[in-house]
Amino acid sequence: MSDDREDSGSYHDLTIATLYRLDPERLKAVRRAMTGATRCPQCDALNRADQPRCEKCGAKLYPEVPDNDEEKATSDP
């Protein structure tokens, strides 16, 4: 039964993101900040939110986001 709840949780997150016109990744970040935990995208293991890699499989937990300040500095003449 717990597997069904986890699957429905991601469905509910997508529904909430759609209803409130939120970025699903932003909603995940808010949920991580509130709970202090995140799930691995590879193995679905529960990890602390402050870890960059999964304790179980070593996969990256968060996508790399380029720093906009560096992009602006290189594109301005």
C-alpha atoms as a PDB file:
ATOM      1  CA  MET A   1       0.000   0.000   0.000  1.00  0.00           C
ATOM      2  CA  SER A   2       2.885   2.402   0.685  1.00  0.00           C
ATOM      3  CA  ASP A   3       4.034   2.096  -2.943  1.00  0.00           C
ATOM      4  CA  ASP A   4       0.641   3.348  -4.121  1.00  0.00           C
ATOM      5  CA  ARG A   5       0.897   6.355  -1.840  1.00  0.00           C
ATOM      6  CA  GLU A   6       4.360   7.248  -3.184  1.00  0.00           C
ATOM      7  CA  ASP A   7       3.129   7.036  -6.783  1.00  0.00           C
ATOM      8  CA  SER A   8       0.060   9.103  -5.981  1.00  0.00           C
ATOM      9  CA  GLY A   9       2.296  11.648  -4.220  1.00  0.00           C
ATOM     10  CA  SER A  10       4.169  12.443  -7.415  1.00  0.00           C
ATOM     11  CA  TYR A  11       0.825  12.604  -9.262  1.00  0.00           C
ATOM     12  CA  HIS A  12      -0.459  15.049  -6.656  1.00  0.00           C
ATOM     13  CA  ASP A  13       2.721  17.117  -6.944  1.00  0.00           C
ATOM     14  CA  LEU A  14       2.230  17.349 -10.707  1.00  0.00           C
ATOM     15  CA  THR A  15      -1.428  18.282 -10.213  1.00  0.00           C
ATOM     16  CA  ILE A  16      -0.548  20.977  -7.674  1.00  0.00           C
ATOM     17  CA  ALA A  17       2.181  22.340  -9.944  1.00  0.00           C
ATOM     18  CA  THR A  18      -0.257  22.484 -12.864  1.00  0.00           C
ATOM     19  CA  LEU A  19      -3.076  24.085 -10.873  1.00  0.00           C
ATOM     20  CA  TYR A  20      -0.898  26.821  -9.432  1.00  0.00           C
ATOM     21  CA  ARG A  21       1.285  27.189 -12.522  1.00  0.00           C
ATOM     22  CA  LEU A  22       4.426  26.220 -10.633  1.00  0.00           C
ATOM     23  CA  ASP A  23       7.537  24.647 -12.018  1.00  0.00           C
ATOM     24  CA  PRO A  24       7.496  20.997 -10.825  1.00  0.00           C
ATOM     25  CA  GLU A  25      11.218  21.239  -9.995  1.00  0.00           C
ATOM     26  CA  ARG A  26      10.527  24.317  -7.866  1.00  0.00           C
ATOM     27  CA  LEU A  27       7.781  22.437  -6.041  1.00  0.00           C
ATOM     28  CA  LYS A  28      10.236  19.588  -5.354  1.00  0.00           C
ATOM     29  CA  ALA A  29      12.737  22.120  -3.974  1.00  0.00           C
ATOM     30  CA  VAL A  30      10.105  23.598  -1.650  1.00  0.00           C
ATOM     31  CA  ARG A  31       9.124  20.121  -0.465  1.00  0.00           C
ATOM     32  CA  ARG A  32      12.813  19.283   0.199  1.00  0.00           C
ATOM     33  CA  ALA A  33      13.229  22.461   2.224  1.00  0.00           C
ATOM     34  CA  MET A  34      10.123  21.738   4.281  1.00  0.00           C
ATOM     35  CA  THR A  35      10.864  18.064   4.988  1.00  0.00           C
ATOM     36  CA  GLY A  36      14.660  18.094   4.996  1.00  0.00           C
ATOM     37  CA  ALA A  37      14.708  15.032   2.718  1.00  0.00           C
ATOM     38  CA  THR A  38      14.786  14.204  -0.968  1.00  0.00           C
ATOM     39  CA  ARG A  39      14.435  11.061  -3.086  1.00  0.00           C
ATOM     40  CA  CYS A  40      17.082   9.832  -5.504  1.00  0.00           C
ATOM     41  CA  PRO A  41      15.998  10.043  -9.156  1.00  0.00           C
ATOM     42  CA  GLN A  42      17.825   6.765  -9.925  1.00  0.00           C
ATOM     43  CA  CYS A  43      17.026   4.374  -7.052  1.00  0.00           C
ATOM     44  CA  ASP A  44      14.295   6.287  -5.146  1.00  0.00           C
ATOM     45  CA  ALA A  45      16.234   6.075  -1.853  1.00  0.00           C
ATOM     46  CA  LEU A  46      15.467   8.698   0.780  1.00  0.00           C
ATOM     47  CA  ASN A  47      18.408  11.076   1.430  1.00  0.00           C
ATOM     48  CA  ARG A  48      19.008  14.195   3.499  1.00  0.00           C
ATOM     49  CA  ALA A  49      18.299  17.336   1.470  1.00  0.00           C
ATOM     50  CA  ASP A  50      21.797  18.769   2.014  1.00  0.00           C
ATOM     51  CA  GLN A  51      23.580  15.880   0.276  1.00  0.00           C
ATOM     52  CA  PRO A  52      24.730  16.341  -3.337  1.00  0.00           C
ATOM     53  CA  ARG A  53      24.779  12.568  -4.069  1.00  0.00           C
ATOM     54  CA  CYS A  54      22.685   9.559  -3.103  1.00  0.00           C
ATOM     55  CA  GLU A  55      24.016   7.517  -0.160  1.00  0.00           C
ATOM     56  CA  LYS A  56      22.800   4.276  -1.762  1.00  0.00           C
ATOM     57  CA  CYS A  57      23.806   4.511  -5.451  1.00  0.00           C
ATOM     58  CA  GLY A  58      25.928   7.685  -5.678  1.00  0.00           C
ATOM     59  CA  ALA A  59      23.753   9.405  -8.311  1.00  0.00           C
ATOM     60  CA  LYS A  60      23.502  13.209  -8.352  1.00  0.00           C
ATOM     61  CA  LEU A  61      20.423  14.322  -6.440  1.00  0.00           C
ATOM     62  CA  TYR A  62      20.065  17.735  -8.039  1.00  0.00           C
ATOM     63  CA  PRO A  63      20.554  18.931 -11.613  1.00  0.00           C
ATOM     64  CA  GLU A  64      23.388  21.332 -12.261  1.00  0.00           C
ATOM     65  CA  VAL A  65      22.079  24.817 -12.857  1.00  0.00           C
ATOM     66  CA  PRO A  66      24.359  27.384 -14.515  1.00  0.00           C
ATOM     67  CA  ASP A  67      24.939  30.612 -12.627  1.00  0.00           C
ATOM     68  CA  ASN A  68      23.111  33.413 -14.477  1.00  0.00           C
ATOM     69  CA  ASP A  69      25.578  36.054 -13.265  1.00  0.00           C
ATOM     70  CA  GLU A  70      28.438  34.314 -15.092  1.00  0.00           C
ATOM     71  CA  GLU A  71      26.350  34.015 -18.286  1.00  0.00           C
ATOM     72  CA  LYS A  72      25.460  37.715 -18.180  1.00  0.00           C
ATOM     73  CA  ALA A  73      29.092  38.733 -17.633  1.00  0.00           C
ATOM     74  CA  THR A  74      30.292  36.771 -20.649  1.00  0.00           C
ATOM     75  CA  SER A  75      27.468  37.926 -22.930  1.00  0.00           C
ATOM     76  CA  ASP A  76      27.738  41.685 -22.148  1.00  0.00           C
ATOM     77  CA  PRO A  77      30.208  43.548 -24.403  1.00  0.00           C
END
